[in-house]
Amino acid sequence: MLDAIVIDPADHVGTALRDLPAAAAVVPRGPAGAMLPVVLVEPIAVGHKFALMELAVGVELRKYGEVIGVTTVPIAAGGHVHVHNLASRRARSVGRVGV
C-alpha cells in the first residue's frame, strides 16, 4: 500500500494516503515512480501534507504543481504542512470585497 503521493516534480509536499506515524520513513510515489524517503518528524493524518525537504520562511509552496500558499515559519523535512505554518493564497481573499 502506498504511504504518500506527489503529483508534480516541482511539489514541495507529499500527501498522506493513510495515517502515518512520527518517525516513519515514507517513500512517496511521484510522476517518475518512487522518490527519496522522508522521515516524518510528527504524525501525519490521511489527506494531510508533509514537507519533502527543509523549507524556509517565504517559500511559495507547491502542491499538485500549483502554488497553494507561502510558508510563514521554517518547516523541517517530514514536518506537517497546514494552516499553522502556511498562509493560503485562497484564504487571504475570503470576505474581502473587490479581491
N, C-alpha and C. Protein backbone atom coordinates (compact mmCIF):
# COMPACT_ATOMS: atom_id res chain seq x y z
N MET A 1 0.84 -1.19 0.00
CA MET A 1 0.00 0.00 0.00
C MET A 1 0.89 1.25 0.00
N LEU A 2 0.55 2.22 -0.82
CA LEU A 2 1.28 3.47 -0.88
C LEU A 2 1.05 4.30 0.38
N ASP A 3 2.12 4.95 0.85
CA ASP A 3 2.02 5.82 2.02
C ASP A 3 1.63 7.24 1.63
N ALA A 4 2.19 7.71 0.51
CA ALA A 4 2.01 9.11 0.13
C ALA A 4 2.21 9.26 -1.37
N ILE A 5 1.73 10.39 -1.88
CA ILE A 5 1.83 10.66 -3.31
C ILE A 5 2.31 12.09 -3.53
N VAL A 6 3.03 12.28 -4.62
CA VAL A 6 3.46 13.58 -5.10
C VAL A 6 3.05 13.63 -6.57
N ILE A 7 2.34 14.66 -6.97
CA ILE A 7 1.79 14.72 -8.33
C ILE A 7 2.75 15.34 -9.34
N ASP A 8 3.48 16.37 -8.92
CA ASP A 8 4.33 17.12 -9.84
C ASP A 8 5.76 17.16 -9.33
N PRO A 9 6.76 17.05 -10.20
CA PRO A 9 8.15 17.08 -9.74
C PRO A 9 8.53 18.37 -9.01
N ALA A 10 7.79 19.46 -9.22
CA ALA A 10 8.08 20.73 -8.56
C ALA A 10 7.44 20.84 -7.17
N ASP A 11 6.64 19.85 -6.77
CA ASP A 11 5.95 19.92 -5.47
C ASP A 11 6.92 19.94 -4.31
N HIS A 12 6.57 20.70 -3.29
CA HIS A 12 7.33 20.76 -2.03
C HIS A 12 6.78 19.81 -0.98
N VAL A 13 5.59 19.26 -1.23
CA VAL A 13 4.92 18.43 -0.23
C VAL A 13 4.44 17.12 -0.84
N GLY A 14 4.33 16.13 0.06
CA GLY A 14 3.66 14.89 -0.28
C GLY A 14 2.33 14.88 0.44
N THR A 15 1.40 14.10 -0.04
CA THR A 15 0.09 13.97 0.58
C THR A 15 -0.06 12.56 1.11
N ALA A 16 -0.38 12.44 2.41
CA ALA A 16 -0.52 11.13 3.05
C ALA A 16 -1.75 10.40 2.51
N LEU A 17 -1.58 9.14 2.14
CA LEU A 17 -2.68 8.32 1.66
C LEU A 17 -3.26 7.43 2.76
N ARG A 18 -2.67 7.51 3.94
CA ARG A 18 -3.17 6.83 5.13
C ARG A 18 -2.56 7.56 6.32
N ASP A 19 -3.06 7.30 7.52
CA ASP A 19 -2.46 7.89 8.71
C ASP A 19 -1.03 7.38 8.83
N LEU A 20 -0.08 8.29 9.03
CA LEU A 20 1.34 7.95 9.11
C LEU A 20 1.90 8.37 10.46
N PRO A 21 2.62 7.48 11.14
CA PRO A 21 3.16 7.81 12.46
C PRO A 21 4.45 8.63 12.37
N ALA A 22 4.75 9.36 13.44
CA ALA A 22 6.03 10.06 13.53
C ALA A 22 7.16 9.05 13.44
N ALA A 23 8.28 9.46 12.88
CA ALA A 23 9.49 8.65 12.72
C ALA A 23 9.38 7.63 11.60
N ALA A 24 8.25 7.58 10.90
CA ALA A 24 8.12 6.66 9.76
C ALA A 24 8.98 7.16 8.61
N ALA A 25 9.65 6.26 7.93
CA ALA A 25 10.39 6.59 6.71
C ALA A 25 9.43 6.37 5.55
N VAL A 26 8.91 7.45 5.02
CA VAL A 26 7.89 7.40 3.97
C VAL A 26 8.56 7.57 2.61
N VAL A 27 8.19 6.72 1.67
CA VAL A 27 8.69 6.81 0.30
C VAL A 27 7.51 7.22 -0.58
N PRO A 28 7.36 8.53 -0.85
CA PRO A 28 6.25 8.96 -1.71
C PRO A 28 6.42 8.43 -3.12
N ARG A 29 5.32 8.27 -3.82
CA ARG A 29 5.35 7.92 -5.24
C ARG A 29 5.06 9.20 -6.01
N GLY A 30 5.86 9.44 -7.02
CA GLY A 30 5.71 10.63 -7.83
C GLY A 30 5.56 10.29 -9.28
N PRO A 31 5.65 11.29 -10.15
CA PRO A 31 5.48 11.09 -11.58
C PRO A 31 6.51 10.12 -12.17
N ALA A 32 7.67 10.02 -11.55
CA ALA A 32 8.71 9.13 -12.07
C ALA A 32 8.86 7.88 -11.20
N GLY A 33 7.86 7.58 -10.38
CA GLY A 33 7.93 6.41 -9.51
C GLY A 33 8.32 6.77 -8.09
N ALA A 34 9.02 5.86 -7.42
CA ALA A 34 9.40 6.07 -6.02
C ALA A 34 10.39 7.22 -5.91
N MET A 35 10.25 8.00 -4.84
CA MET A 35 11.13 9.12 -4.58
C MET A 35 12.03 8.79 -3.40
N LEU A 36 12.87 9.72 -3.02
CA LEU A 36 13.71 9.53 -1.84
C LEU A 36 12.84 9.46 -0.59
N PRO A 37 13.23 8.64 0.39
CA PRO A 37 12.44 8.56 1.63
C PRO A 37 12.51 9.86 2.43
N VAL A 38 11.45 10.14 3.13
CA VAL A 38 11.36 11.28 4.03
C VAL A 38 10.99 10.72 5.40
N VAL A 39 11.75 11.06 6.43
CA VAL A 39 11.42 10.62 7.78
C VAL A 39 10.52 11.68 8.40
N LEU A 40 9.32 11.26 8.80
CA LEU A 40 8.35 12.19 9.37
C LEU A 40 8.76 12.60 10.78
N VAL A 41 8.64 13.88 11.07
CA VAL A 41 9.01 14.38 12.39
C VAL A 41 7.80 14.48 13.32
N GLU A 42 6.63 14.19 12.79
CA GLU A 42 5.39 14.18 13.57
C GLU A 42 4.37 13.32 12.83
N PRO A 43 3.31 12.90 13.50
CA PRO A 43 2.29 12.10 12.80
C PRO A 43 1.61 12.95 11.71
N ILE A 44 1.24 12.31 10.62
CA ILE A 44 0.55 12.98 9.52
C ILE A 44 -0.74 12.20 9.24
N ALA A 45 -1.87 12.89 9.33
CA ALA A 45 -3.17 12.26 9.10
C ALA A 45 -3.42 12.07 7.60
N VAL A 46 -4.23 11.08 7.27
CA VAL A 46 -4.60 10.83 5.88
C VAL A 46 -5.12 12.12 5.25
N GLY A 47 -4.64 12.41 4.04
CA GLY A 47 -5.07 13.60 3.31
C GLY A 47 -4.28 14.86 3.64
N HIS A 48 -3.44 14.80 4.67
CA HIS A 48 -2.66 15.98 5.04
C HIS A 48 -1.31 15.98 4.34
N LYS A 49 -0.66 17.15 4.36
CA LYS A 49 0.60 17.36 3.65
C LYS A 49 1.78 17.29 4.61
N PHE A 50 2.93 16.87 4.07
CA PHE A 50 4.18 16.93 4.81
C PHE A 50 5.27 17.43 3.86
N ALA A 51 6.26 18.12 4.43
CA ALA A 51 7.34 18.69 3.64
C ALA A 51 8.28 17.61 3.14
N LEU A 52 8.64 17.69 1.87
CA LEU A 52 9.58 16.74 1.28
C LEU A 52 11.03 17.16 1.51
N MET A 53 11.22 18.41 1.91
CA MET A 53 12.55 18.98 2.11
C MET A 53 12.44 20.08 3.15
N GLU A 54 13.57 20.58 3.62
CA GLU A 54 13.57 21.74 4.50
C GLU A 54 13.01 22.93 3.73
N LEU A 55 12.13 23.69 4.38
CA LEU A 55 11.53 24.85 3.73
C LEU A 55 11.75 26.09 4.59
N ALA A 56 12.25 27.15 4.00
CA ALA A 56 12.49 28.41 4.70
C ALA A 56 11.20 29.24 4.74
N VAL A 57 11.21 30.29 5.52
CA VAL A 57 10.10 31.24 5.56
C VAL A 57 9.99 31.92 4.19
N GLY A 58 8.78 32.11 3.71
CA GLY A 58 8.55 32.84 2.47
C GLY A 58 8.59 32.01 1.20
N VAL A 59 8.69 30.69 1.32
CA VAL A 59 8.70 29.83 0.13
C VAL A 59 7.28 29.76 -0.44
N GLU A 60 7.15 29.97 -1.73
CA GLU A 60 5.86 29.76 -2.39
C GLU A 60 5.70 28.26 -2.56
N LEU A 61 4.88 27.68 -1.72
CA LEU A 61 4.77 26.23 -1.61
C LEU A 61 3.88 25.65 -2.70
N ARG A 62 4.37 24.58 -3.32
CA ARG A 62 3.65 23.93 -4.42
C ARG A 62 3.10 22.57 -4.00
N LYS A 63 1.87 22.33 -4.40
CA LYS A 63 1.20 21.03 -4.27
C LYS A 63 0.44 20.82 -5.57
N TYR A 64 0.55 19.63 -6.13
CA TYR A 64 -0.09 19.30 -7.41
C TYR A 64 0.36 20.24 -8.52
N GLY A 65 1.59 20.77 -8.39
CA GLY A 65 2.14 21.65 -9.41
C GLY A 65 1.69 23.10 -9.32
N GLU A 66 0.87 23.42 -8.35
CA GLU A 66 0.34 24.77 -8.20
C GLU A 66 0.80 25.39 -6.88
N VAL A 67 1.05 26.69 -6.86
CA VAL A 67 1.37 27.39 -5.62
C VAL A 67 0.09 27.48 -4.80
N ILE A 68 0.15 26.94 -3.57
CA ILE A 68 -1.04 26.94 -2.71
C ILE A 68 -0.93 27.92 -1.55
N GLY A 69 0.27 28.46 -1.34
CA GLY A 69 0.45 29.41 -0.26
C GLY A 69 1.93 29.70 -0.05
N VAL A 70 2.20 30.40 1.06
CA VAL A 70 3.56 30.80 1.40
C VAL A 70 3.86 30.35 2.81
N THR A 71 5.04 29.77 3.02
CA THR A 71 5.42 29.33 4.36
C THR A 71 5.59 30.53 5.27
N THR A 72 5.11 30.41 6.51
CA THR A 72 5.18 31.51 7.48
C THR A 72 6.26 31.28 8.53
N VAL A 73 6.74 30.07 8.63
CA VAL A 73 7.83 29.70 9.54
C VAL A 73 8.67 28.64 8.82
N PRO A 74 9.90 28.40 9.29
CA PRO A 74 10.66 27.29 8.69
C PRO A 74 9.95 25.97 8.97
N ILE A 75 10.00 25.06 8.00
CA ILE A 75 9.37 23.75 8.14
C ILE A 75 10.43 22.69 7.87
N ALA A 76 10.58 21.78 8.81
CA ALA A 76 11.55 20.70 8.66
C ALA A 76 11.07 19.68 7.64
N ALA A 77 12.00 19.03 6.98
CA ALA A 77 11.64 17.91 6.10
C ALA A 77 10.90 16.89 6.96
N GLY A 78 9.76 16.43 6.48
CA GLY A 78 8.94 15.49 7.25
C GLY A 78 7.97 16.15 8.19
N GLY A 79 7.94 17.47 8.22
CA GLY A 79 7.01 18.21 9.09
C GLY A 79 5.64 18.37 8.46
N HIS A 80 4.63 18.46 9.31
CA HIS A 80 3.24 18.68 8.88
C HIS A 80 3.13 20.07 8.27
N VAL A 81 2.52 20.17 7.12
CA VAL A 81 2.28 21.45 6.46
C VAL A 81 0.78 21.69 6.47
N HIS A 82 0.39 22.77 7.17
CA HIS A 82 -1.04 23.06 7.33
C HIS A 82 -1.19 24.54 7.67
N VAL A 83 -2.33 24.95 8.15
CA VAL A 83 -2.61 26.37 8.41
C VAL A 83 -1.73 26.99 9.49
N HIS A 84 -1.09 26.18 10.33
CA HIS A 84 -0.23 26.73 11.38
C HIS A 84 1.13 27.18 10.86
N ASN A 85 1.49 26.81 9.63
CA ASN A 85 2.79 27.21 9.09
C ASN A 85 2.73 27.59 7.61
N LEU A 86 1.52 27.81 7.11
CA LEU A 86 1.31 28.14 5.70
C LEU A 86 0.19 29.16 5.59
N ALA A 87 0.45 30.27 4.89
CA ALA A 87 -0.59 31.25 4.61
C ALA A 87 -1.16 30.93 3.23
N SER A 88 -2.42 30.54 3.21
CA SER A 88 -3.06 30.16 1.96
C SER A 88 -3.35 31.38 1.10
N ARG A 89 -3.08 31.26 -0.17
CA ARG A 89 -3.40 32.36 -1.09
C ARG A 89 -4.91 32.51 -1.23
N ARG A 90 -5.62 31.41 -1.21
CA ARG A 90 -7.07 31.47 -1.37
C ARG A 90 -7.75 32.08 -0.14
N ALA A 91 -7.29 31.70 1.04
CA ALA A 91 -7.92 32.18 2.28
C ALA A 91 -7.73 33.67 2.48
N ARG A 92 -6.68 34.25 1.93
CA ARG A 92 -6.44 35.68 2.11
C ARG A 92 -7.56 36.53 1.53
N SER A 93 -8.21 36.04 0.49
CA SER A 93 -9.23 36.86 -0.17
C SER A 93 -10.63 36.61 0.37
N VAL A 94 -10.78 35.66 1.29
CA VAL A 94 -12.11 35.35 1.81
C VAL A 94 -12.65 36.55 2.57
N GLY A 95 -13.84 36.97 2.23
CA GLY A 95 -14.51 38.05 2.93
C GLY A 95 -14.02 39.44 2.56
N ARG A 96 -13.11 39.55 1.61
CA ARG A 96 -12.62 40.86 1.21
C ARG A 96 -13.33 41.28 -0.07
N VAL A 97 -13.84 42.48 -0.07
CA VAL A 97 -14.57 42.99 -1.22
C VAL A 97 -13.56 43.42 -2.29
N GLY A 98 -13.85 43.08 -3.52
CA GLY A 98 -13.03 43.51 -4.64
C GLY A 98 -11.75 42.73 -4.84
N VAL A 99 -11.62 41.58 -4.18
CA VAL A 99 -10.39 40.79 -4.35
C VAL A 99 -10.65 39.64 -5.29
